[in-house]
Amino acid sequence: VLMLTTFDVDDYVYEALRVGASGFLLKDAPPADLIAAVRVVAAGDALLAPSVTRRLIADFAAQRPAGATRTGQALRLNGLTPRESEVLELIARGLSNQEIAGRLVLAEQTVKTHIGRVLAKLDLRDRAQAVIFAYESGLVTPGDAGA
């Protein structure tokens, strides 16, 4: 989806991106830019109007120092498959391999394989580090009742 609007308002940009738009251009963009934007989005890439990009970068840079560690860890989480993320969350909630296997309807050996991959991908030594990582990255928060 390529959103084309007359309103250069950050809230519109954020909401469009949140609901899945891959592009955001202003209606005053030159026709050649509009054609190029349609091609970019159709090819599966993303495109934002230059003025929007500048503001998004400025917003991101302003927020970066406060959450740099959490952001870095959250980016590392992106390297996990959805199943691996699910296993990590259940480890952080204190479930044993057998309990995780029962919850996810998997063989216990499959759970062990997922745990090994999680530890390797996140460069962690053991389950204790995995639990700490899950909380520090925001995957699990204290008081969540998901177990």
N, C-alpha and C. Protein backbone atom coordinates (compact mmCIF):
# COMPACT_ATOMS: atom_id res chain seq x y z
N VAL A 1 0.85 -1.17 0.00
CA VAL A 1 0.00 0.00 0.00
C VAL A 1 0.89 1.23 0.00
N LEU A 2 0.60 2.14 -0.87
CA LEU A 2 1.28 3.44 -0.94
C LEU A 2 0.26 4.49 -0.55
N MET A 3 0.50 5.20 0.54
CA MET A 3 -0.42 6.23 1.00
C MET A 3 -0.03 7.54 0.35
N LEU A 4 -1.01 8.19 -0.23
CA LEU A 4 -0.82 9.49 -0.88
C LEU A 4 -1.75 10.48 -0.20
N THR A 5 -1.19 11.56 0.35
CA THR A 5 -1.99 12.49 1.13
C THR A 5 -1.52 13.93 0.96
N THR A 6 -2.39 14.85 1.29
CA THR A 6 -2.01 16.26 1.28
C THR A 6 -1.50 16.67 2.66
N PHE A 7 -1.67 15.81 3.65
CA PHE A 7 -1.33 16.16 5.03
C PHE A 7 0.04 15.60 5.41
N ASP A 8 0.97 16.49 5.71
CA ASP A 8 2.31 16.11 6.13
C ASP A 8 2.33 16.10 7.66
N VAL A 9 1.56 15.15 8.23
CA VAL A 9 1.39 15.09 9.68
C VAL A 9 1.96 13.76 10.18
N ASP A 10 2.84 13.84 11.19
CA ASP A 10 3.50 12.64 11.70
C ASP A 10 2.52 11.57 12.15
N ASP A 11 1.43 11.96 12.80
CA ASP A 11 0.46 10.96 13.27
C ASP A 11 -0.09 10.14 12.11
N TYR A 12 -0.33 10.77 10.98
CA TYR A 12 -0.83 10.04 9.80
C TYR A 12 0.23 9.06 9.30
N VAL A 13 1.46 9.50 9.30
CA VAL A 13 2.56 8.64 8.83
C VAL A 13 2.67 7.42 9.74
N TYR A 14 2.73 7.65 11.05
CA TYR A 14 2.89 6.55 12.00
C TYR A 14 1.72 5.57 11.89
N GLU A 15 0.51 6.11 11.79
CA GLU A 15 -0.66 5.22 11.71
C GLU A 15 -0.65 4.43 10.40
N ALA A 16 -0.29 5.07 9.31
CA ALA A 16 -0.23 4.36 8.02
C ALA A 16 0.79 3.23 8.08
N LEU A 17 1.96 3.50 8.65
CA LEU A 17 2.99 2.47 8.76
C LEU A 17 2.55 1.36 9.72
N ARG A 18 1.88 1.75 10.79
CA ARG A 18 1.42 0.78 11.78
C ARG A 18 0.43 -0.22 11.18
N VAL A 19 -0.41 0.25 10.26
CA VAL A 19 -1.43 -0.64 9.68
C VAL A 19 -0.95 -1.31 8.40
N GLY A 20 0.32 -1.10 8.04
CA GLY A 20 0.88 -1.90 6.96
C GLY A 20 1.25 -1.19 5.67
N ALA A 21 1.13 0.12 5.62
CA ALA A 21 1.53 0.82 4.40
C ALA A 21 3.04 0.67 4.19
N SER A 22 3.44 0.53 2.95
CA SER A 22 4.86 0.41 2.62
C SER A 22 5.42 1.71 2.08
N GLY A 23 4.55 2.65 1.79
CA GLY A 23 5.01 3.92 1.26
C GLY A 23 4.11 5.06 1.71
N PHE A 24 4.70 6.25 1.76
CA PHE A 24 3.97 7.43 2.19
C PHE A 24 4.51 8.60 1.40
N LEU A 25 3.68 9.17 0.54
CA LEU A 25 4.08 10.33 -0.27
C LEU A 25 3.04 11.43 -0.13
N LEU A 26 3.50 12.65 -0.36
CA LEU A 26 2.60 13.79 -0.38
C LEU A 26 2.08 14.00 -1.80
N LYS A 27 0.86 14.51 -1.90
CA LYS A 27 0.24 14.69 -3.22
C LYS A 27 0.99 15.68 -4.11
N ASP A 28 1.83 16.53 -3.52
CA ASP A 28 2.57 17.49 -4.33
C ASP A 28 3.86 16.89 -4.91
N ALA A 29 4.07 15.60 -4.71
CA ALA A 29 5.25 14.93 -5.27
C ALA A 29 5.17 14.98 -6.80
N PRO A 30 6.30 15.17 -7.47
CA PRO A 30 6.30 15.18 -8.93
C PRO A 30 5.78 13.85 -9.48
N PRO A 31 5.13 13.88 -10.64
CA PRO A 31 4.58 12.64 -11.23
C PRO A 31 5.63 11.52 -11.36
N ALA A 32 6.84 11.87 -11.72
CA ALA A 32 7.89 10.84 -11.86
C ALA A 32 8.16 10.16 -10.52
N ASP A 33 8.13 10.94 -9.42
CA ASP A 33 8.34 10.36 -8.09
C ASP A 33 7.19 9.43 -7.71
N LEU A 34 5.98 9.80 -8.08
CA LEU A 34 4.83 8.96 -7.79
C LEU A 34 4.92 7.63 -8.54
N ILE A 35 5.28 7.69 -9.79
CA ILE A 35 5.43 6.47 -10.60
C ILE A 35 6.53 5.59 -10.01
N ALA A 36 7.64 6.21 -9.66
CA ALA A 36 8.75 5.45 -9.06
C ALA A 36 8.32 4.83 -7.73
N ALA A 37 7.54 5.56 -6.93
CA ALA A 37 7.09 5.06 -5.64
C ALA A 37 6.19 3.84 -5.81
N VAL A 38 5.30 3.89 -6.77
CA VAL A 38 4.43 2.74 -7.04
C VAL A 38 5.27 1.52 -7.40
N ARG A 39 6.28 1.71 -8.22
CA ARG A 39 7.15 0.59 -8.60
C ARG A 39 7.93 0.05 -7.40
N VAL A 40 8.43 0.94 -6.56
CA VAL A 40 9.20 0.52 -5.37
C VAL A 40 8.32 -0.32 -4.45
N VAL A 41 7.12 0.18 -4.17
CA VAL A 41 6.22 -0.53 -3.26
C VAL A 41 5.75 -1.83 -3.89
N ALA A 42 5.47 -1.83 -5.19
CA ALA A 42 5.05 -3.06 -5.87
C ALA A 42 6.14 -4.12 -5.84
N ALA A 43 7.39 -3.69 -5.80
CA ALA A 43 8.51 -4.63 -5.75
C ALA A 43 8.75 -5.16 -4.33
N GLY A 44 7.95 -4.67 -3.36
CA GLY A 44 8.08 -5.16 -1.99
C GLY A 44 8.98 -4.33 -1.11
N ASP A 45 9.47 -3.20 -1.61
CA ASP A 45 10.32 -2.34 -0.81
C ASP A 45 9.48 -1.23 -0.19
N ALA A 46 10.12 -0.37 0.59
CA ALA A 46 9.42 0.72 1.28
C ALA A 46 9.95 2.06 0.81
N LEU A 47 9.10 3.07 0.89
CA LEU A 47 9.49 4.41 0.46
C LEU A 47 8.72 5.45 1.24
N LEU A 48 9.42 6.47 1.71
CA LEU A 48 8.79 7.58 2.42
C LEU A 48 9.20 8.88 1.76
N ALA A 49 8.31 9.86 1.81
CA ALA A 49 8.64 11.20 1.33
C ALA A 49 9.87 11.69 2.07
N PRO A 50 10.79 12.39 1.40
CA PRO A 50 12.01 12.85 2.06
C PRO A 50 11.77 13.65 3.34
N SER A 51 10.76 14.51 3.36
CA SER A 51 10.49 15.31 4.57
C SER A 51 10.07 14.40 5.72
N VAL A 52 9.32 13.37 5.41
CA VAL A 52 8.88 12.41 6.42
C VAL A 52 10.09 11.63 6.94
N THR A 53 10.94 11.20 6.04
CA THR A 53 12.13 10.43 6.42
C THR A 53 13.00 11.23 7.36
N ARG A 54 13.20 12.50 7.07
CA ARG A 54 14.02 13.35 7.94
C ARG A 54 13.45 13.42 9.35
N ARG A 55 12.14 13.58 9.46
CA ARG A 55 11.50 13.67 10.78
C ARG A 55 11.56 12.33 11.52
N LEU A 56 11.33 11.24 10.81
CA LEU A 56 11.41 9.92 11.44
C LEU A 56 12.81 9.65 11.97
N ILE A 57 13.82 10.02 11.19
CA ILE A 57 15.20 9.84 11.64
C ILE A 57 15.48 10.71 12.86
N ALA A 58 15.02 11.94 12.85
CA ALA A 58 15.22 12.83 14.00
C ALA A 58 14.52 12.28 15.24
N ASP A 59 13.28 11.78 15.07
CA ASP A 59 12.56 11.18 16.21
C ASP A 59 13.30 9.97 16.74
N PHE A 60 13.76 9.13 15.84
CA PHE A 60 14.48 7.91 16.24
C PHE A 60 15.76 8.28 16.98
N ALA A 61 16.51 9.23 16.45
CA ALA A 61 17.78 9.64 17.06
C ALA A 61 17.53 10.24 18.44
N ALA A 62 16.46 10.97 18.61
CA ALA A 62 16.15 11.57 19.90
C ALA A 62 15.79 10.51 20.94
N GLN A 63 15.19 9.42 20.52
CA GLN A 63 14.77 8.36 21.44
C GLN A 63 15.87 7.36 21.70
N ARG A 64 16.84 7.25 20.83
CA ARG A 64 17.86 6.19 20.88
C ARG A 64 18.64 6.10 22.19
N PRO A 65 19.17 7.21 22.75
CA PRO A 65 20.00 7.04 23.95
C PRO A 65 19.27 6.40 25.12
N ALA A 66 18.02 6.73 25.35
CA ALA A 66 17.30 6.21 26.50
C ALA A 66 17.07 4.71 26.42
N GLY A 67 16.80 4.20 25.24
CA GLY A 67 16.47 2.78 25.12
C GLY A 67 17.44 2.01 24.27
N ALA A 68 18.69 2.46 24.19
CA ALA A 68 19.65 1.82 23.28
C ALA A 68 19.84 0.35 23.57
N THR A 69 19.97 -0.03 24.84
CA THR A 69 20.18 -1.43 25.18
C THR A 69 18.96 -2.25 24.82
N ARG A 70 17.80 -1.80 25.22
CA ARG A 70 16.57 -2.54 24.93
C ARG A 70 16.34 -2.63 23.43
N THR A 71 16.62 -1.55 22.71
CA THR A 71 16.43 -1.56 21.26
C THR A 71 17.38 -2.56 20.62
N GLY A 72 18.63 -2.57 21.05
CA GLY A 72 19.60 -3.52 20.50
C GLY A 72 19.17 -4.95 20.74
N GLN A 73 18.67 -5.21 21.95
CA GLN A 73 18.22 -6.55 22.26
C GLN A 73 16.96 -6.90 21.48
N ALA A 74 16.08 -5.93 21.31
CA ALA A 74 14.86 -6.18 20.53
C ALA A 74 15.23 -6.51 19.09
N LEU A 75 16.25 -5.83 18.56
CA LEU A 75 16.69 -6.15 17.19
C LEU A 75 17.24 -7.56 17.12
N ARG A 76 17.96 -8.00 18.16
CA ARG A 76 18.46 -9.37 18.18
C ARG A 76 17.31 -10.36 18.18
N LEU A 77 16.20 -10.01 18.83
CA LEU A 77 15.03 -10.88 18.84
C LEU A 77 14.49 -11.10 17.43
N ASN A 78 14.67 -10.12 16.56
CA ASN A 78 14.18 -10.25 15.19
C ASN A 78 14.83 -11.40 14.45
N GLY A 79 15.99 -11.85 14.91
CA GLY A 79 16.67 -12.97 14.27
C GLY A 79 16.08 -14.32 14.63
N LEU A 80 15.15 -14.33 15.58
CA LEU A 80 14.52 -15.59 15.99
C LEU A 80 13.28 -15.86 15.15
N THR A 81 12.99 -17.13 14.96
CA THR A 81 11.73 -17.51 14.31
C THR A 81 10.61 -17.27 15.32
N PRO A 82 9.36 -17.20 14.87
CA PRO A 82 8.26 -17.05 15.82
C PRO A 82 8.25 -18.18 16.87
N ARG A 83 8.53 -19.41 16.46
CA ARG A 83 8.54 -20.53 17.41
C ARG A 83 9.66 -20.36 18.43
N GLU A 84 10.84 -19.93 17.98
CA GLU A 84 11.95 -19.71 18.89
C GLU A 84 11.63 -18.61 19.91
N SER A 85 10.96 -17.56 19.45
CA SER A 85 10.55 -16.49 20.36
C SER A 85 9.56 -17.01 21.40
N GLU A 86 8.66 -17.86 20.94
CA GLU A 86 7.68 -18.46 21.83
C GLU A 86 8.36 -19.32 22.90
N VAL A 87 9.33 -20.12 22.47
CA VAL A 87 10.08 -20.97 23.41
C VAL A 87 10.84 -20.09 24.40
N LEU A 88 11.48 -19.03 23.93
CA LEU A 88 12.21 -18.13 24.82
C LEU A 88 11.27 -17.52 25.86
N GLU A 89 10.10 -17.11 25.43
CA GLU A 89 9.13 -16.53 26.36
C GLU A 89 8.74 -17.55 27.43
N LEU A 90 8.53 -18.79 27.04
CA LEU A 90 8.14 -19.82 28.01
C LEU A 90 9.29 -20.17 28.96
N ILE A 91 10.51 -20.14 28.46
CA ILE A 91 11.69 -20.33 29.34
C ILE A 91 11.69 -19.22 30.39
N ALA A 92 11.48 -17.98 29.94
CA ALA A 92 11.50 -16.84 30.85
C ALA A 92 10.38 -16.91 31.88
N ARG A 93 9.31 -17.59 31.54
CA ARG A 93 8.20 -17.74 32.47
C ARG A 93 8.41 -18.92 33.43
N GLY A 94 9.57 -19.58 33.27
CA GLY A 94 9.93 -20.63 34.22
C GLY A 94 9.50 -22.03 33.87
N LEU A 95 9.03 -22.26 32.66
CA LEU A 95 8.59 -23.60 32.28
C LEU A 95 9.78 -24.50 31.97
N SER A 96 9.65 -25.76 32.31
CA SER A 96 10.68 -26.75 31.99
C SER A 96 10.55 -27.16 30.53
N ASN A 97 11.53 -27.91 30.03
CA ASN A 97 11.45 -28.40 28.66
C ASN A 97 10.20 -29.24 28.46
N GLN A 98 9.90 -30.09 29.43
CA GLN A 98 8.72 -30.95 29.33
C GLN A 98 7.44 -30.12 29.31
N GLU A 99 7.37 -29.09 30.14
CA GLU A 99 6.19 -28.22 30.18
C GLU A 99 6.04 -27.44 28.87
N ILE A 100 7.17 -26.96 28.34
CA ILE A 100 7.12 -26.25 27.06
C ILE A 100 6.64 -27.19 25.96
N ALA A 101 7.16 -28.41 25.95
CA ALA A 101 6.74 -29.40 24.95
C ALA A 101 5.24 -29.64 25.04
N GLY A 102 4.71 -29.77 26.25
CA GLY A 102 3.28 -29.98 26.42
C GLY A 102 2.46 -28.79 25.97
N ARG A 103 2.93 -27.59 26.31
CA ARG A 103 2.20 -26.37 25.95
C ARG A 103 2.16 -26.16 24.44
N LEU A 104 3.28 -26.44 23.76
CA LEU A 104 3.37 -26.19 22.32
C LEU A 104 3.09 -27.43 21.47
N VAL A 105 2.78 -28.53 22.12
CA VAL A 105 2.51 -29.80 21.45
C VAL A 105 3.69 -30.17 20.55
N LEU A 106 4.84 -30.28 21.19
CA LEU A 106 6.09 -30.64 20.51
C LEU A 106 6.76 -31.77 21.28
N ALA A 107 7.65 -32.46 20.61
CA ALA A 107 8.48 -33.44 21.31
C ALA A 107 9.49 -32.68 22.16
N GLU A 108 9.87 -33.26 23.29
CA GLU A 108 10.82 -32.59 24.18
C GLU A 108 12.15 -32.36 23.46
N GLN A 109 12.55 -33.28 22.60
CA GLN A 109 13.79 -33.11 21.85
C GLN A 109 13.71 -31.90 20.92
N THR A 110 12.53 -31.66 20.35
CA THR A 110 12.34 -30.49 19.49
C THR A 110 12.48 -29.20 20.29
N VAL A 111 11.96 -29.21 21.51
CA VAL A 111 12.10 -28.05 22.40
C VAL A 111 13.58 -27.81 22.67
N LYS A 112 14.33 -28.88 22.96
CA LYS A 112 15.76 -28.74 23.22
C LYS A 112 16.48 -28.16 22.00
N THR A 113 16.07 -28.58 20.81
CA THR A 113 16.66 -28.04 19.58
C THR A 113 16.37 -26.54 19.47
N HIS A 114 15.13 -26.14 19.75
CA HIS A 114 14.77 -24.72 19.70
C HIS A 114 15.58 -23.92 20.72
N ILE A 115 15.73 -24.46 21.90
CA ILE A 115 16.49 -23.76 22.95
C ILE A 115 17.95 -23.60 22.51
N GLY A 116 18.52 -24.64 21.95
CA GLY A 116 19.90 -24.54 21.46
C GLY A 116 20.05 -23.47 20.40
N ARG A 117 19.07 -23.38 19.51
CA ARG A 117 19.12 -22.35 18.46
C ARG A 117 18.96 -20.95 19.04
N VAL A 118 18.06 -20.81 20.02
CA VAL A 118 17.86 -19.51 20.67
C VAL A 118 19.17 -19.06 21.33
N LEU A 119 19.78 -19.96 22.08
CA LEU A 119 21.03 -19.61 22.77
C LEU A 119 22.12 -19.24 21.77
N ALA A 120 22.22 -20.00 20.69
CA ALA A 120 23.25 -19.72 19.68
C ALA A 120 22.98 -18.39 18.98
N LYS A 121 21.74 -18.16 18.54
CA LYS A 121 21.43 -16.93 17.81
C LYS A 121 21.60 -15.68 18.66
N LEU A 122 21.31 -15.80 19.95
CA LEU A 122 21.40 -14.65 20.84
C LEU A 122 22.74 -14.58 21.57
N ASP A 123 23.61 -15.54 21.28
CA ASP A 123 24.94 -15.60 21.89
C ASP A 123 24.84 -15.64 23.42
N LEU A 124 24.01 -16.56 23.91
CA LEU A 124 23.81 -16.73 25.35
C LEU A 124 24.39 -18.07 25.79
N ARG A 125 24.84 -18.14 27.05
CA ARG A 125 25.47 -19.37 27.58
C ARG A 125 24.45 -20.40 28.03
N ASP A 126 23.37 -19.94 28.70
CA ASP A 126 22.47 -20.88 29.34
C ASP A 126 21.07 -20.29 29.50
N ARG A 127 20.20 -21.08 30.13
CA ARG A 127 18.81 -20.65 30.33
C ARG A 127 18.73 -19.40 31.20
N ALA A 128 19.62 -19.30 32.18
CA ALA A 128 19.59 -18.13 33.07
C ALA A 128 19.82 -16.85 32.26
N GLN A 129 20.80 -16.88 31.38
CA GLN A 129 21.03 -15.70 30.53
C GLN A 129 19.84 -15.47 29.60
N ALA A 130 19.22 -16.54 29.15
CA ALA A 130 18.05 -16.41 28.27
C ALA A 130 16.91 -15.70 29.00
N VAL A 131 16.69 -16.05 30.26
CA VAL A 131 15.64 -15.41 31.06
C VAL A 131 15.93 -13.92 31.21
N ILE A 132 17.16 -13.61 31.57
CA ILE A 132 17.55 -12.20 31.74
C ILE A 132 17.34 -11.45 30.43
N PHE A 133 17.80 -12.05 29.33
CA PHE A 133 17.66 -11.41 28.02
C PHE A 133 16.18 -11.17 27.69
N ALA A 134 15.33 -12.14 27.96
CA ALA A 134 13.91 -12.01 27.63
C ALA A 134 13.28 -10.84 28.38
N TYR A 135 13.69 -10.65 29.64
CA TYR A 135 13.14 -9.53 30.40
C TYR A 135 13.75 -8.20 29.97
N GLU A 136 15.07 -8.17 29.78
CA GLU A 136 15.72 -6.92 29.39
C GLU A 136 15.31 -6.45 28.00
N SER A 137 14.97 -7.39 27.11
CA SER A 137 14.58 -7.01 25.75
C SER A 137 13.12 -6.58 25.67
N GLY A 138 12.36 -6.87 26.74
CA GLY A 138 10.94 -6.51 26.72
C GLY A 138 10.05 -7.61 26.18
N LEU A 139 10.62 -8.76 25.80
CA LEU A 139 9.80 -9.88 25.33
C LEU A 139 8.84 -10.31 26.42
N VAL A 140 9.31 -10.30 27.66
CA VAL A 140 8.51 -10.64 28.83
C VAL A 140 8.67 -9.50 29.83
N THR A 141 7.58 -9.12 30.46
CA THR A 141 7.66 -8.08 31.48
C THR A 141 7.18 -8.63 32.81
N PRO A 142 7.75 -8.14 33.91
CA PRO A 142 7.34 -8.62 35.22
C PRO A 142 5.83 -8.43 35.41
N GLY A 143 5.21 -9.43 35.96
CA GLY A 143 3.78 -9.35 36.23
C GLY A 143 2.90 -9.83 35.09
N ASP A 144 3.49 -10.12 33.91
CA ASP A 144 2.70 -10.68 32.82
C ASP A 144 2.11 -12.00 33.26
N ALA A 145 0.86 -12.21 32.97
CA ALA A 145 0.21 -13.47 33.35
C ALA A 145 0.02 -14.33 32.11
N GLY A 146 1.12 -14.69 31.46
CA GLY A 146 0.99 -15.48 30.26
C GLY A 146 1.37 -16.93 30.43
N ALA A 147 1.84 -17.31 31.60
CA ALA A 147 2.33 -18.68 31.79
C ALA A 147 1.23 -19.67 31.93
